[in-house]
Amino acid sequence: MSFYELFLITIILLPGILLMVFNEKDLYKDISQEVPSFALRLVNHVILSFPFAILGLFFYKHGDFNLFSLKIDTFSILLSLLVALINVAAYYYLKKSDLKEALLEGDKTRKKYGF
């Protein structure tokens, strides 16, 4: 894996990671919990994101998949974007209360075991 590929992965992942870190801060405020530092939240999301991005690049390079040889029509692209937007809307607007409950349960468990 070259430096250029790692740099490109970083550029592509950084906006999503920052979005997760900032939204997580608001989630902690919503449930009146102590907000971990920005650096800790950032490292947490980097640890979760980068290995999967590198695995995806590995399988892309070693598989028999070539993006530029595919003939993808406009309808497929628009349908994919629509499904992605529906997924984002469902995640942030329908599941946010479930995320609060999960975060509270995780915090109770953390305090119980002294982490």
Protein backbone atom coordinates (compact mmCIF):
# COMPACT_ATOMS: atom_id res chain seq x y z
CA MET A 1 0.00 0.00 0.00
CA SER A 2 1.52 3.26 -1.08
CA PHE A 3 1.68 6.58 0.72
CA TYR A 4 -0.65 8.04 -1.91
CA GLU A 5 -3.32 5.43 -1.14
CA LEU A 6 -3.09 6.04 2.62
CA PHE A 7 -3.29 9.78 2.03
CA LEU A 8 -6.36 9.32 -0.18
CA ILE A 9 -8.04 7.10 2.42
CA THR A 10 -7.38 9.77 5.05
CA ILE A 11 -8.84 12.54 2.88
CA ILE A 12 -11.94 10.47 2.12
CA LEU A 13 -12.54 9.32 5.71
CA LEU A 14 -11.79 12.56 7.55
CA PRO A 15 -15.10 14.38 6.87
CA GLY A 16 -17.13 11.36 8.01
CA ILE A 17 -15.01 10.87 11.11
CA LEU A 18 -15.32 14.53 12.08
CA LEU A 19 -19.07 14.40 11.52
CA MET A 20 -19.31 11.38 13.84
CA VAL A 21 -17.18 13.07 16.50
CA PHE A 22 -19.26 16.27 16.49
CA ASN A 23 -22.59 14.39 16.51
CA GLU A 24 -21.39 12.20 19.35
CA LYS A 25 -20.69 15.31 21.43
CA ASP A 26 -24.30 16.41 21.00
CA LEU A 27 -25.51 12.93 21.93
CA TYR A 28 -23.59 13.05 25.21
CA LYS A 29 -25.09 16.48 25.97
CA ASP A 30 -28.60 15.15 25.25
CA ILE A 31 -28.25 12.47 27.92
CA SER A 32 -26.47 14.73 30.42
CA GLN A 33 -23.29 12.67 30.52
CA GLU A 34 -19.72 13.84 30.78
CA VAL A 35 -18.37 14.42 27.28
CA PRO A 36 -15.04 12.71 26.58
CA SER A 37 -12.36 14.94 25.10
CA PHE A 38 -12.34 15.69 21.38
CA ALA A 39 -9.05 13.84 20.95
CA LEU A 40 -10.37 10.70 22.64
CA ARG A 41 -13.51 10.66 20.50
CA LEU A 42 -11.44 11.29 17.38
CA VAL A 43 -9.02 8.45 18.13
CA ASN A 44 -11.95 6.14 18.83
CA HIS A 45 -13.52 6.79 15.42
CA VAL A 46 -10.18 6.59 13.61
CA ILE A 47 -9.55 3.19 15.19
CA LEU A 48 -12.98 2.05 14.02
CA SER A 49 -12.78 3.49 10.49
CA PHE A 50 -9.27 3.04 9.15
CA PRO A 51 -8.90 -0.74 9.45
CA PHE A 52 -12.10 -1.31 7.49
CA ALA A 53 -11.10 1.19 4.82
CA ILE A 54 -7.71 -0.50 4.45
CA LEU A 55 -9.37 -3.93 4.29
CA GLY A 56 -11.71 -2.63 1.59
CA LEU A 57 -8.77 -1.31 -0.41
CA PHE A 58 -6.94 -4.62 0.02
CA PHE A 59 -9.88 -6.66 -1.26
CA TYR A 60 -10.50 -4.18 -4.07
CA LYS A 61 -6.90 -4.53 -5.27
CA HIS A 62 -6.78 -8.32 -4.92
CA GLY A 63 -10.22 -9.01 -6.30
CA ASP A 64 -11.24 -9.04 -9.92
CA PHE A 65 -13.11 -5.75 -9.70
CA ASN A 66 -12.39 -2.79 -11.92
CA LEU A 67 -14.63 0.22 -11.40
CA PHE A 68 -13.80 1.80 -14.73
CA SER A 69 -14.73 -1.25 -16.77
CA LEU A 70 -18.26 -1.44 -15.37
CA LYS A 71 -21.14 0.00 -17.30
CA ILE A 72 -23.31 1.65 -14.65
CA ASP A 73 -26.40 3.47 -15.81
CA THR A 74 -27.66 6.73 -14.33
CA PHE A 75 -30.74 5.09 -12.80
CA SER A 76 -28.56 2.77 -10.68
CA ILE A 77 -26.53 5.69 -9.37
CA LEU A 78 -29.64 7.73 -8.52
CA LEU A 79 -31.28 4.75 -6.84
CA SER A 80 -28.13 4.13 -4.78
CA LEU A 81 -28.02 7.75 -3.66
CA LEU A 82 -31.71 7.65 -2.72
CA VAL A 83 -31.23 4.52 -0.62
CA ALA A 84 -28.18 6.06 1.07
CA LEU A 85 -30.15 9.23 1.94
CA ILE A 86 -33.02 7.16 3.33
CA ASN A 87 -30.52 5.22 5.43
CA VAL A 88 -28.98 8.41 6.82
CA ALA A 89 -32.41 9.88 7.59
CA ALA A 90 -33.52 6.69 9.36
CA TYR A 91 -30.31 6.54 11.35
CA TYR A 92 -30.31 10.13 12.57
CA TYR A 93 -34.03 10.79 12.94
CA LEU A 94 -35.59 7.44 13.82
CA LYS A 95 -32.81 5.71 15.75
CA LYS A 96 -31.36 8.62 17.71
CA SER A 97 -33.44 7.80 20.80
CA ASP A 98 -32.25 4.19 20.62
CA LEU A 99 -28.68 5.46 20.49
CA LYS A 100 -29.25 7.47 23.67
CA GLU A 101 -30.52 4.38 25.46
CA ALA A 102 -27.59 2.28 24.25
CA LEU A 103 -25.14 4.96 25.36
CA LEU A 104 -26.75 5.08 28.81
CA GLU A 105 -26.54 1.29 29.13
CA GLY A 106 -22.90 1.35 28.06
CA ASP A 107 -22.15 4.06 30.60
CA LYS A 108 -23.83 2.06 33.38
CA THR A 109 -21.75 -0.98 32.46
CA ARG A 110 -18.57 1.10 32.32
CA LYS A 111 -19.22 2.52 35.79
CA LYS A 112 -20.15 -0.93 37.16
CA TYR A 113 -16.82 -2.42 36.13
CA GLY A 114 -14.77 0.70 36.89
CA PHE A 115 -13.59 1.52 33.38
